[in-house]
Amino acid sequence: MTDELILPVPLIPQKIRDAVNTKTLAIFVGAGVSRVMGCIGWDELSRRLVKRCSLVKRPADGLPYLNFRGTEILGQYVDQKKIITICYDILKNNGCEKDFFEELEKSLEPDEEHSSYRDIYKQLYGLGGPFITTNADEHFDKLFNQNRIVYNNFRPDDTDSTKLYHIHGSIRRRESLVFTVPGYIRRYRDNKDFRAFLERIFERYSVLFVGYGMNEFELLDFIITKYGSADNREMKDFILLPFYTGEEKTALMFEKYYYEKMGISVIPYEKDQNGYNQLYNVIKDWNSKINQTSTRLYNSYKEIEDAVEHYGR
């Protein structure tokens, strides 16, 4: 472990710069990016669903589907996906599936308080792709042609730098959504094409995880299952994580112990002043610096020029 300061905007690792220039950087986008826009996270969604289950009444006797005892028991759970799975089953089994999706759709809406951060996806887009997101919202979709967005049928021969992959589905297509425990098992354990798709991404690209927390990291389970310890993997993947100043010898060190066992380097940034919204400033700064110094834009223009020249022949 080397000493490392927690800065408001961390330096861009050279491996990430190199990956941008060689078009071998893949970016995984988690819920923390949408939270910068004001969308709520899994923790708040799970609380709202528990409340919804306690308010929806059975037609037969007017009693709620979830009584006080059930509400209190669910409130003690720490696994949000477990709570969401239970609430979904309660509502669906009683013909109230629409109530679940109403809460889910509301959780994906940005708020006015965070309006100044709404272009975070535009800033992120500037780093290049492919982009793989576990988010169900459509905020990133606006930057892609619809035929460049993949919701299902993931294949190892389709890892395109111009595409956005919704690996947990999208609210736009409810049938594609993965949000319950059985759904995650079917996708990550049983879907061979999906597993081969992820394997291809991790083998071919350096990966940058943006906006991820421990409660939404099925991807880590996949990495551990597939690759084991970092002894079997090159240290070419990265995760951006927020910390308070002074946590270099505690929280940051602990996270490094954990992630580096899987070949993932932790890039810390300071959240003292702006909290988790500081992620916006990091991405904006990185986008500006990478596009000032990388050859990616030049190469993209050269490819366009070559294509136009070839077309005219």
Protein backbone atom coordinates (compact mmCIF):
# COMPACT_ATOMS: atom_id res chain seq x y z
CA MET A 1 0.00 0.00 0.00
CA THR A 2 1.37 3.41 -0.93
CA ASP A 3 0.50 6.70 0.74
CA GLU A 4 -2.13 8.56 -1.26
CA LEU A 5 -3.88 11.84 -0.61
CA ILE A 6 -7.64 12.14 -0.98
CA LEU A 7 -8.11 15.07 -3.37
CA PRO A 8 -11.31 16.83 -4.56
CA VAL A 9 -10.36 15.80 -8.11
CA PRO A 10 -7.92 12.87 -8.37
CA LEU A 11 -5.27 12.63 -11.04
CA ILE A 12 -6.17 10.49 -14.06
CA PRO A 13 -4.20 7.24 -13.94
CA GLN A 14 -1.95 6.76 -16.95
CA LYS A 15 -3.52 3.36 -17.63
CA ILE A 16 -6.89 5.06 -18.10
CA ARG A 17 -5.37 7.64 -20.46
CA ASP A 18 -3.72 4.84 -22.43
CA ALA A 19 -6.98 2.88 -22.57
CA VAL A 20 -8.84 5.94 -23.89
CA ASN A 21 -6.24 6.40 -26.65
CA THR A 22 -6.36 2.73 -27.65
CA LYS A 23 -10.16 2.53 -27.35
CA THR A 24 -9.90 -0.15 -24.70
CA LEU A 25 -11.68 1.64 -21.84
CA ALA A 26 -15.10 0.31 -20.83
CA ILE A 27 -17.13 2.28 -18.29
CA PHE A 28 -19.60 0.66 -15.91
CA VAL A 29 -22.21 3.17 -14.77
CA GLY A 30 -23.95 2.65 -11.41
CA ALA A 31 -26.80 4.29 -9.53
CA GLY A 32 -24.47 6.87 -7.96
CA VAL A 33 -24.31 8.72 -11.29
CA SER A 34 -28.09 9.12 -11.45
CA ARG A 35 -28.20 10.07 -7.78
CA VAL A 36 -26.11 13.12 -8.65
CA MET A 37 -29.14 14.19 -10.75
CA GLY A 38 -31.46 13.69 -7.76
CA CYS A 39 -32.72 10.17 -8.40
CA ILE A 40 -33.13 8.13 -5.22
CA GLY A 41 -31.09 5.03 -4.44
CA TRP A 42 -32.01 1.45 -3.58
CA ASP A 43 -32.10 2.25 0.14
CA GLU A 44 -34.77 4.93 -0.22
CA LEU A 45 -36.70 2.92 -2.83
CA SER A 46 -36.85 -0.08 -0.48
CA ARG A 47 -38.25 2.13 2.32
CA ARG A 48 -40.88 3.59 -0.01
CA LEU A 49 -41.93 0.14 -1.18
CA VAL A 50 -42.34 -1.07 2.40
CA LYS A 51 -44.53 1.96 3.10
CA ARG A 52 -46.52 1.33 -0.09
CA CYS A 53 -47.18 -2.26 0.95
CA SER A 54 -48.41 -1.00 4.33
CA LEU A 55 -50.82 1.48 2.69
CA VAL A 56 -52.35 -0.68 -0.05
CA LYS A 57 -55.48 -2.37 1.37
CA ARG A 58 -57.00 -5.74 0.66
CA PRO A 59 -60.44 -5.35 -0.97
CA ALA A 60 -61.93 -8.16 1.13
CA ASP A 61 -61.38 -6.71 4.60
CA GLY A 62 -59.68 -3.32 4.12
CA LEU A 63 -56.53 -4.43 5.94
CA PRO A 64 -53.08 -3.56 4.54
CA TYR A 65 -51.06 -6.23 2.75
CA LEU A 66 -48.23 -5.50 5.16
CA ASN A 67 -49.15 -4.96 8.81
CA PHE A 68 -47.12 -3.20 11.50
CA ARG A 69 -45.26 -6.35 12.46
CA GLY A 70 -44.28 -7.07 8.86
CA THR A 71 -43.21 -3.45 8.36
CA GLU A 72 -41.02 -3.57 11.45
CA ILE A 73 -39.38 -6.86 10.40
CA LEU A 74 -38.59 -5.59 6.90
CA GLY A 75 -37.25 -2.38 8.40
CA GLN A 76 -34.57 -4.39 10.16
CA TYR A 77 -33.23 -5.91 6.95
CA VAL A 78 -30.04 -4.37 5.56
CA ASP A 79 -30.19 -6.04 2.12
CA GLN A 80 -32.17 -3.64 -0.07
CA LYS A 81 -32.54 -6.11 -2.91
CA LYS A 82 -34.05 -8.60 -0.50
CA ILE A 83 -36.58 -6.00 0.64
CA ILE A 84 -37.39 -5.00 -2.94
CA THR A 85 -37.88 -8.65 -3.92
CA ILE A 86 -40.27 -9.25 -1.01
CA CYS A 87 -42.27 -6.08 -1.67
CA TYR A 88 -42.53 -6.90 -5.36
CA ASP A 89 -43.89 -10.36 -4.58
CA ILE A 90 -46.38 -8.97 -2.03
CA LEU A 91 -47.76 -6.44 -4.52
CA LYS A 92 -47.66 -8.70 -7.58
CA ASN A 93 -49.29 -11.67 -5.83
CA ASN A 94 -52.15 -9.41 -4.76
CA GLY A 95 -52.74 -7.87 -8.17
CA CYS A 96 -51.01 -4.58 -7.33
CA GLU A 97 -47.96 -4.81 -9.58
CA LYS A 98 -48.73 -1.33 -10.91
CA ASP A 99 -48.08 0.07 -7.42
CA PHE A 100 -44.57 -1.38 -7.51
CA PHE A 101 -43.77 0.15 -10.89
CA GLU A 102 -45.20 3.52 -9.85
CA GLU A 103 -42.68 3.64 -7.01
CA LEU A 104 -39.87 2.40 -9.25
CA GLU A 105 -40.59 5.03 -11.93
CA LYS A 106 -40.73 7.82 -9.33
CA SER A 107 -37.36 6.72 -7.97
CA LEU A 108 -35.80 7.30 -11.40
CA GLU A 109 -36.94 10.92 -11.75
CA PRO A 110 -34.36 13.71 -11.16
CA ASP A 111 -35.24 16.66 -8.94
CA GLU A 112 -34.86 20.41 -9.40
CA GLU A 113 -32.42 20.73 -6.51
CA HIS A 114 -29.84 18.87 -8.62
CA SER A 115 -30.61 20.55 -11.94
CA SER A 116 -27.09 21.99 -12.22
CA TYR A 117 -25.71 18.45 -12.41
CA ARG A 118 -28.03 17.19 -15.14
CA ASP A 119 -25.35 17.01 -17.80
CA ILE A 120 -23.25 14.52 -15.84
CA TYR A 121 -24.03 11.87 -18.45
CA LYS A 122 -22.88 14.18 -21.21
CA GLN A 123 -19.60 14.66 -19.34
CA LEU A 124 -19.28 10.92 -18.83
CA TYR A 125 -20.01 10.25 -22.49
CA GLY A 126 -16.93 12.26 -23.41
CA LEU A 127 -14.65 9.61 -21.90
CA GLY A 128 -15.52 7.11 -24.62
CA GLY A 129 -17.08 3.66 -24.45
CA PRO A 130 -18.46 1.05 -24.49
CA PHE A 131 -20.77 1.96 -21.63
CA ILE A 132 -22.34 -0.73 -19.49
CA THR A 133 -24.97 0.40 -16.99
CA THR A 134 -26.83 -1.37 -14.22
CA ASN A 135 -29.29 1.55 -14.02
CA ALA A 136 -32.90 1.19 -15.14
CA ASP A 137 -33.41 4.89 -15.94
CA GLU A 138 -33.23 6.47 -19.39
CA HIS A 139 -31.06 9.50 -18.61
CA PHE A 140 -28.03 8.19 -20.48
CA ASP A 141 -30.15 6.90 -23.39
CA LYS A 142 -30.65 10.40 -24.78
CA LEU A 143 -27.02 10.45 -25.97
CA PHE A 144 -27.38 7.30 -28.09
CA ASN A 145 -29.35 6.31 -31.15
CA GLN A 146 -31.99 3.79 -30.16
CA ASN A 147 -30.40 1.08 -32.30
CA ARG A 148 -27.19 1.50 -30.27
CA ILE A 149 -28.87 0.62 -26.94
CA VAL A 150 -28.96 -3.02 -25.85
CA TYR A 151 -31.50 -4.19 -23.24
CA ASN A 152 -31.19 -7.97 -23.52
CA ASN A 153 -29.72 -10.76 -25.64
CA PHE A 154 -26.15 -9.88 -24.63
CA ARG A 155 -23.51 -11.68 -26.69
CA PRO A 156 -19.72 -11.95 -26.37
CA ASP A 157 -19.27 -10.94 -30.02
CA ASP A 158 -21.12 -7.66 -29.39
CA THR A 159 -18.91 -5.33 -27.34
CA ASP A 160 -19.22 -2.16 -29.38
CA SER A 161 -17.64 1.11 -28.24
CA THR A 162 -20.57 3.08 -29.67
CA LYS A 163 -23.23 1.25 -27.66
CA LEU A 164 -24.91 1.52 -24.28
CA TYR A 165 -25.66 -1.80 -22.59
CA HIS A 166 -28.45 -1.90 -19.97
CA ILE A 167 -27.36 -5.16 -18.36
CA HIS A 168 -30.16 -5.01 -15.75
CA GLY A 169 -32.73 -3.86 -18.25
CA SER A 170 -34.54 -0.55 -18.66
CA ILE A 171 -37.75 0.98 -17.32
CA ARG A 172 -38.59 1.59 -20.98
CA ARG A 173 -38.97 -2.17 -21.40
CA ARG A 174 -40.31 -3.69 -18.22
CA GLU A 175 -39.81 -7.24 -19.45
CA SER A 176 -36.05 -6.59 -19.56
CA LEU A 177 -35.76 -5.42 -15.93
CA VAL A 178 -33.69 -7.30 -13.37
CA PHE A 179 -34.41 -6.10 -9.83
CA THR A 180 -35.26 -9.17 -7.72
CA VAL A 181 -32.95 -11.79 -6.27
CA PRO A 182 -34.24 -14.58 -8.58
CA GLY A 183 -33.71 -12.24 -11.54
CA TYR A 184 -30.07 -11.65 -10.62
CA ILE A 185 -29.50 -15.38 -10.19
CA ARG A 186 -30.98 -16.14 -13.61
CA ARG A 187 -28.84 -13.49 -15.27
CA TYR A 188 -25.49 -13.87 -13.52
CA ARG A 189 -25.50 -17.60 -12.83
CA ASP A 190 -27.71 -19.22 -15.45
CA ASN A 191 -27.38 -17.02 -18.56
CA LYS A 192 -24.27 -18.33 -20.32
CA ASP A 193 -24.34 -15.71 -23.10
CA PHE A 194 -24.53 -12.91 -20.54
CA ARG A 195 -21.63 -14.34 -18.56
CA ALA A 196 -19.59 -14.69 -21.76
CA PHE A 197 -20.43 -11.07 -22.63
CA LEU A 198 -19.05 -9.86 -19.27
CA GLU A 199 -16.01 -12.09 -19.61
CA ARG A 200 -15.30 -10.54 -22.99
CA ILE A 201 -15.55 -7.02 -21.54
CA PHE A 202 -13.14 -7.77 -18.68
CA GLU A 203 -10.70 -9.58 -20.95
CA ARG A 204 -10.66 -6.99 -23.75
CA TYR A 205 -10.96 -3.70 -21.86
CA SER A 206 -9.69 -1.79 -18.88
CA VAL A 207 -12.77 -1.13 -16.79
CA LEU A 208 -13.70 2.00 -14.86
CA PHE A 209 -16.54 1.65 -12.32
CA VAL A 210 -18.37 4.94 -11.72
CA GLY A 211 -21.19 5.47 -9.23
CA TYR A 212 -21.06 2.10 -7.47
CA GLY A 213 -21.61 1.16 -3.85
CA MET A 214 -21.33 -2.16 -2.09
CA ASN A 215 -25.11 -2.75 -2.07
CA GLU A 216 -25.31 -2.95 -5.85
CA PHE A 217 -22.28 -4.92 -6.85
CA GLU A 218 -23.37 -8.24 -8.33
CA LEU A 219 -20.49 -7.56 -10.70
CA LEU A 220 -18.04 -8.18 -7.86
CA ASP A 221 -19.58 -11.59 -7.27
CA PHE A 222 -19.06 -12.32 -10.95
CA ILE A 223 -15.41 -11.20 -10.83
CA ILE A 224 -14.70 -13.23 -7.70
CA THR A 225 -16.40 -16.34 -9.10
CA LYS A 226 -14.74 -16.07 -12.48
CA TYR A 227 -11.25 -14.85 -11.67
CA GLY A 228 -10.66 -15.46 -7.97
CA SER A 229 -7.92 -13.32 -6.45
CA ALA A 230 -5.87 -10.61 -8.15
CA ASP A 231 -3.10 -13.18 -8.58
CA ASN A 232 -4.98 -14.28 -11.70
CA ARG A 233 -5.76 -10.79 -13.03
CA GLU A 234 -3.83 -7.81 -14.31
CA MET A 235 -4.34 -4.62 -12.27
CA LYS A 236 -6.02 -2.72 -15.11
CA ASP A 237 -9.47 -1.96 -13.67
CA PHE A 238 -10.47 1.02 -11.50
CA ILE A 239 -13.27 2.25 -9.26
CA LEU A 240 -13.98 5.86 -8.25
CA LEU A 241 -14.97 6.06 -4.58
CA PRO A 242 -15.74 9.04 -2.27
CA PHE A 243 -14.01 9.58 1.08
CA TYR A 244 -13.58 12.27 3.70
CA THR A 245 -10.23 14.01 4.08
CA GLY A 246 -8.15 12.18 6.65
CA GLU A 247 -9.47 8.71 5.84
CA GLU A 248 -6.30 7.74 3.96
CA LYS A 249 -5.16 5.39 6.75
CA THR A 250 -8.60 3.99 7.56
CA ALA A 251 -11.53 3.78 5.13
CA LEU A 252 -9.42 4.22 1.99
CA MET A 253 -6.88 1.65 3.13
CA PHE A 254 -9.65 -0.85 3.93
CA GLU A 255 -11.30 -0.38 0.54
CA LYS A 256 -7.95 -0.86 -1.19
CA TYR A 257 -7.39 -4.12 0.68
CA TYR A 258 -10.76 -5.33 -0.54
CA TYR A 259 -10.78 -4.21 -4.17
CA GLU A 260 -7.14 -4.88 -4.98
CA LYS A 261 -7.71 -8.56 -4.19
CA MET A 262 -9.86 -8.54 -7.34
CA GLY A 263 -7.45 -6.56 -9.50
CA ILE A 264 -9.38 -3.28 -9.06
CA SER A 265 -7.49 -0.10 -8.12
CA VAL A 266 -9.35 2.41 -5.93
CA ILE A 267 -9.31 6.05 -7.10
CA PRO A 268 -10.41 8.19 -4.14
CA TYR A 269 -12.00 11.62 -4.29
CA GLU A 270 -12.94 14.01 -1.50
CA LYS A 271 -16.60 14.44 -0.50
CA ASP A 272 -16.10 16.93 2.37
CA GLN A 273 -17.78 19.91 0.66
CA ASN A 274 -20.15 18.53 -1.96
CA GLY A 275 -20.86 15.04 -0.69
CA TYR A 276 -21.58 12.50 -3.38
CA ASN A 277 -22.27 15.29 -5.88
CA GLN A 278 -18.50 15.78 -6.08
CA LEU A 279 -18.55 12.92 -8.57
CA TYR A 280 -19.87 15.43 -11.12
CA ASN A 281 -16.82 17.66 -10.71
CA VAL A 282 -14.49 14.69 -11.05
CA ILE A 283 -16.11 13.47 -14.27
CA LYS A 284 -16.29 16.99 -15.75
CA ASP A 285 -12.61 17.62 -15.00
CA TRP A 286 -11.53 14.25 -16.37
CA ASN A 287 -13.57 14.71 -19.53
CA SER A 288 -11.94 18.09 -20.18
CA LYS A 289 -8.40 16.87 -19.52
CA ILE A 290 -8.71 13.62 -21.44
CA ASN A 291 -10.09 15.31 -24.52
CA GLN A 292 -7.36 17.96 -24.40
CA THR A 293 -4.52 15.45 -24.33
CA SER A 294 -5.76 12.19 -25.84
CA THR A 295 -5.60 11.12 -29.45
CA ARG A 296 -9.11 9.68 -29.36
CA LEU A 297 -10.84 12.67 -30.93
CA TYR A 298 -8.21 12.94 -33.64
CA ASN A 299 -8.54 9.24 -34.41
CA SER A 300 -12.33 9.54 -34.54
CA TYR A 301 -12.14 12.43 -37.00
CA LYS A 302 -9.58 10.52 -39.06
CA GLU A 303 -11.89 7.50 -39.25
CA ILE A 304 -14.74 9.73 -40.44
CA GLU A 305 -12.53 11.36 -43.06
CA ASP A 306 -11.33 7.96 -44.28
CA ALA A 307 -14.89 6.70 -44.49
CA VAL A 308 -16.03 9.74 -46.48
CA GLU A 309 -13.05 9.45 -48.81
CA HIS A 310 -13.67 5.76 -49.37
CA TYR A 311 -17.39 6.39 -49.97
CA GLY A 312 -16.60 8.94 -52.68
CA ARG A 313 -14.56 6.49 -54.74
